Amino acid sequence: MPGPAAASVAEEIGAGGAARLKAVVTEAVNERFRAIRASRRELAANPAYLRAVLRRGNERAAALAGDTLDSVRRLMRMSY
């Protein structure tokens, strides 16, 4: 049984058919991602900051990978 949200959407669409449904869904998706898109625009405006974040992430990933490989080599008795 559809919930109150479904009934509300159905009431909003009314006899508008597929075109109205598409408009309602498009607006809902755009509203959901509005803040995320704004944040992305702000981040994209500062490439130096993005490079620094990527560099730190790469360093962290490399350190974790190195630790993991060391553990695997030890367990496999492949530490030469």
N, C-alpha and C. Protein backbone atom coordinates (compact mmCIF):
# COMPACT_ATOMS: atom_id res chain seq x y z
N MET A 1 0.85 -1.18 0.00
CA MET A 1 0.00 0.00 0.00
C MET A 1 0.89 1.24 0.00
N PRO A 2 0.67 2.16 -0.93
CA PRO A 2 1.48 3.38 -1.00
C PRO A 2 1.32 4.22 0.25
N GLY A 3 2.42 4.87 0.64
CA GLY A 3 2.40 5.71 1.82
C GLY A 3 1.92 7.12 1.50
N PRO A 4 1.92 7.99 2.51
CA PRO A 4 1.46 9.36 2.33
C PRO A 4 2.31 10.13 1.31
N ALA A 5 3.61 9.84 1.21
CA ALA A 5 4.45 10.53 0.24
C ALA A 5 4.01 10.19 -1.17
N ALA A 6 3.70 8.92 -1.41
CA ALA A 6 3.25 8.50 -2.73
C ALA A 6 1.93 9.17 -3.07
N ALA A 7 1.04 9.26 -2.11
CA ALA A 7 -0.26 9.91 -2.35
C ALA A 7 -0.06 11.39 -2.66
N SER A 8 0.87 12.01 -1.96
CA SER A 8 1.16 13.43 -2.19
C SER A 8 1.71 13.65 -3.60
N VAL A 9 2.61 12.78 -4.03
CA VAL A 9 3.18 12.89 -5.38
C VAL A 9 2.09 12.65 -6.41
N ALA A 10 1.27 11.64 -6.19
CA ALA A 10 0.19 11.35 -7.14
C ALA A 10 -0.76 12.53 -7.24
N GLU A 11 -1.05 13.17 -6.11
CA GLU A 11 -1.95 14.32 -6.12
C GLU A 11 -1.31 15.48 -6.88
N GLU A 12 0.00 15.68 -6.69
CA GLU A 12 0.70 16.77 -7.37
C GLU A 12 0.73 16.55 -8.89
N ILE A 13 0.89 15.31 -9.30
CA ILE A 13 0.96 15.00 -10.73
C ILE A 13 -0.42 15.10 -11.36
N GLY A 14 -1.42 14.61 -10.65
CA GLY A 14 -2.78 14.68 -11.15
C GLY A 14 -2.91 14.03 -12.51
N ALA A 15 -3.52 14.72 -13.43
CA ALA A 15 -3.73 14.18 -14.78
C ALA A 15 -2.60 14.60 -15.72
N GLY A 16 -1.51 15.11 -15.16
CA GLY A 16 -0.41 15.59 -15.98
C GLY A 16 0.35 14.50 -16.72
N GLY A 17 0.18 13.27 -16.30
CA GLY A 17 0.81 12.15 -16.99
C GLY A 17 2.32 12.10 -16.83
N ALA A 18 2.94 11.44 -17.78
CA ALA A 18 4.38 11.19 -17.72
C ALA A 18 5.18 12.49 -17.74
N ALA A 19 4.74 13.47 -18.51
CA ALA A 19 5.47 14.74 -18.59
C ALA A 19 5.51 15.42 -17.22
N ARG A 20 4.40 15.42 -16.52
CA ARG A 20 4.36 16.05 -15.19
C ARG A 20 5.19 15.24 -14.19
N LEU A 21 5.11 13.92 -14.28
CA LEU A 21 5.92 13.07 -13.41
C LEU A 21 7.40 13.36 -13.62
N LYS A 22 7.82 13.46 -14.87
CA LYS A 22 9.21 13.74 -15.18
C LYS A 22 9.63 15.09 -14.58
N ALA A 23 8.79 16.10 -14.70
CA ALA A 23 9.09 17.42 -14.14
C ALA A 23 9.23 17.36 -12.63
N VAL A 24 8.35 16.64 -11.97
CA VAL A 24 8.38 16.51 -10.51
C VAL A 24 9.65 15.79 -10.07
N VAL A 25 9.99 14.70 -10.75
CA VAL A 25 11.18 13.94 -10.40
C VAL A 25 12.44 14.77 -10.65
N THR A 26 12.48 15.46 -11.79
CA THR A 26 13.63 16.30 -12.11
C THR A 26 13.84 17.36 -11.04
N GLU A 27 12.79 18.01 -10.63
CA GLU A 27 12.90 19.04 -9.59
C GLU A 27 13.36 18.43 -8.27
N ALA A 28 12.86 17.27 -7.92
CA ALA A 28 13.26 16.61 -6.67
C ALA A 28 14.75 16.26 -6.70
N VAL A 29 15.21 15.74 -7.82
CA VAL A 29 16.64 15.39 -7.96
C VAL A 29 17.49 16.65 -7.89
N ASN A 30 17.09 17.68 -8.63
CA ASN A 30 17.85 18.94 -8.59
C ASN A 30 17.90 19.53 -7.19
N GLU A 31 16.80 19.48 -6.48
CA GLU A 31 16.78 20.00 -5.11
C GLU A 31 17.70 19.18 -4.20
N ARG A 32 17.67 17.88 -4.37
CA ARG A 32 18.49 17.00 -3.53
C ARG A 32 19.98 17.28 -3.72
N PHE A 33 20.40 17.58 -4.96
CA PHE A 33 21.81 17.77 -5.25
C PHE A 33 22.25 19.24 -5.29
N ARG A 34 21.35 20.16 -5.01
CA ARG A 34 21.67 21.59 -5.08
C ARG A 34 22.88 21.94 -4.19
N ALA A 35 22.86 21.55 -2.95
CA ALA A 35 23.95 21.87 -2.02
C ALA A 35 25.25 21.18 -2.43
N ILE A 36 25.14 19.96 -2.89
CA ILE A 36 26.33 19.22 -3.32
C ILE A 36 26.97 19.91 -4.53
N ARG A 37 26.15 20.34 -5.47
CA ARG A 37 26.67 21.04 -6.66
C ARG A 37 27.32 22.36 -6.27
N ALA A 38 26.74 23.07 -5.32
CA ALA A 38 27.32 24.34 -4.87
C ALA A 38 28.69 24.08 -4.22
N SER A 39 28.75 23.06 -3.41
CA SER A 39 30.02 22.70 -2.76
C SER A 39 31.07 22.32 -3.79
N ARG A 40 30.66 21.59 -4.81
CA ARG A 40 31.60 21.19 -5.85
C ARG A 40 32.13 22.41 -6.59
N ARG A 41 31.26 23.37 -6.88
CA ARG A 41 31.70 24.60 -7.55
C ARG A 41 32.74 25.33 -6.72
N GLU A 42 32.51 25.41 -5.42
CA GLU A 42 33.47 26.08 -4.53
C GLU A 42 34.80 25.35 -4.54
N LEU A 43 34.76 24.04 -4.46
CA LEU A 43 36.01 23.27 -4.46
C LEU A 43 36.74 23.39 -5.79
N ALA A 44 36.02 23.36 -6.88
CA ALA A 44 36.63 23.45 -8.20
C ALA A 44 37.29 24.81 -8.42
N ALA A 45 36.85 25.82 -7.70
CA ALA A 45 37.42 27.16 -7.83
C ALA A 45 38.78 27.28 -7.16
N ASN A 46 39.19 26.26 -6.42
CA ASN A 46 40.47 26.32 -5.71
C ASN A 46 41.30 25.08 -6.03
N PRO A 47 41.94 25.03 -7.21
CA PRO A 47 42.69 23.85 -7.61
C PRO A 47 43.88 23.54 -6.68
N ALA A 48 44.48 24.56 -6.10
CA ALA A 48 45.62 24.31 -5.20
C ALA A 48 45.15 23.51 -3.98
N TYR A 49 44.00 23.86 -3.45
CA TYR A 49 43.45 23.14 -2.30
C TYR A 49 43.16 21.68 -2.68
N LEU A 50 42.56 21.50 -3.86
CA LEU A 50 42.24 20.14 -4.31
C LEU A 50 43.51 19.31 -4.47
N ARG A 51 44.55 19.90 -5.05
CA ARG A 51 45.81 19.16 -5.20
C ARG A 51 46.39 18.78 -3.85
N ALA A 52 46.29 19.68 -2.87
CA ALA A 52 46.80 19.38 -1.52
C ALA A 52 46.01 18.24 -0.89
N VAL A 53 44.71 18.26 -1.05
CA VAL A 53 43.87 17.18 -0.50
C VAL A 53 44.23 15.86 -1.17
N LEU A 54 44.36 15.87 -2.48
CA LEU A 54 44.73 14.65 -3.21
C LEU A 54 46.11 14.16 -2.80
N ARG A 55 47.05 15.07 -2.61
CA ARG A 55 48.40 14.69 -2.20
C ARG A 55 48.37 14.01 -0.82
N ARG A 56 47.65 14.62 0.12
CA ARG A 56 47.55 14.01 1.46
C ARG A 56 46.88 12.65 1.40
N GLY A 57 45.83 12.54 0.61
CA GLY A 57 45.14 11.25 0.47
C GLY A 57 46.05 10.21 -0.16
N ASN A 58 46.82 10.61 -1.16
CA ASN A 58 47.75 9.69 -1.79
C ASN A 58 48.83 9.22 -0.82
N GLU A 59 49.35 10.14 -0.02
CA GLU A 59 50.36 9.79 0.98
C GLU A 59 49.78 8.81 2.01
N ARG A 60 48.58 9.08 2.45
CA ARG A 60 47.93 8.20 3.44
C ARG A 60 47.68 6.81 2.85
N ALA A 61 47.17 6.77 1.61
CA ALA A 61 46.91 5.49 0.95
C ALA A 61 48.19 4.70 0.76
N ALA A 62 49.27 5.39 0.37
CA ALA A 62 50.55 4.71 0.16
C ALA A 62 51.07 4.13 1.48
N ALA A 63 50.92 4.87 2.56
CA ALA A 63 51.37 4.37 3.87
C ALA A 63 50.56 3.15 4.29
N LEU A 64 49.24 3.22 4.12
CA LEU A 64 48.39 2.07 4.49
C LEU A 64 48.72 0.85 3.62
N ALA A 65 48.93 1.09 2.33
CA ALA A 65 49.26 -0.02 1.43
C ALA A 65 50.59 -0.63 1.82
N GLY A 66 51.54 0.22 2.16
CA GLY A 66 52.86 -0.29 2.58
C GLY A 66 52.75 -1.14 3.84
N ASP A 67 51.99 -0.68 4.81
CA ASP A 67 51.78 -1.47 6.04
C ASP A 67 51.12 -2.80 5.73
N THR A 68 50.12 -2.77 4.86
CA THR A 68 49.42 -4.00 4.50
C THR A 68 50.35 -4.98 3.80
N LEU A 69 51.14 -4.49 2.87
CA LEU A 69 52.09 -5.36 2.17
C LEU A 69 53.13 -5.92 3.12
N ASP A 70 53.59 -5.13 4.06
CA ASP A 70 54.54 -5.63 5.06
C ASP A 70 53.91 -6.77 5.86
N SER A 71 52.66 -6.60 6.27
CA SER A 71 51.96 -7.65 7.03
C SER A 71 51.82 -8.93 6.20
N VAL A 72 51.44 -8.78 4.95
CA VAL A 72 51.26 -9.93 4.06
C VAL A 72 52.59 -10.65 3.88
N ARG A 73 53.65 -9.90 3.63
CA ARG A 73 54.98 -10.52 3.45
C ARG A 73 55.41 -11.27 4.70
N ARG A 74 55.17 -10.67 5.87
CA ARG A 74 55.52 -11.35 7.13
C ARG A 74 54.74 -12.65 7.27
N LEU A 75 53.43 -12.59 7.02
CA LEU A 75 52.59 -13.78 7.16
C LEU A 75 52.98 -14.87 6.16
N MET A 76 53.43 -14.46 5.00
CA MET A 76 53.81 -15.43 3.96
C MET A 76 55.30 -15.81 4.08
N ARG A 77 55.93 -15.27 5.11
CA ARG A 77 57.37 -15.50 5.35
C ARG A 77 58.18 -15.15 4.10
N MET A 78 57.84 -13.99 3.54
CA MET A 78 58.53 -13.51 2.35
C MET A 78 59.29 -12.21 2.64
N SER A 79 59.61 -11.98 3.92
CA SER A 79 60.37 -10.78 4.28
C SER A 79 61.85 -11.07 4.05
N TYR A 80 62.37 -10.52 3.00
CA TYR A 80 63.77 -10.79 2.64
C TYR A 80 64.64 -9.66 3.10
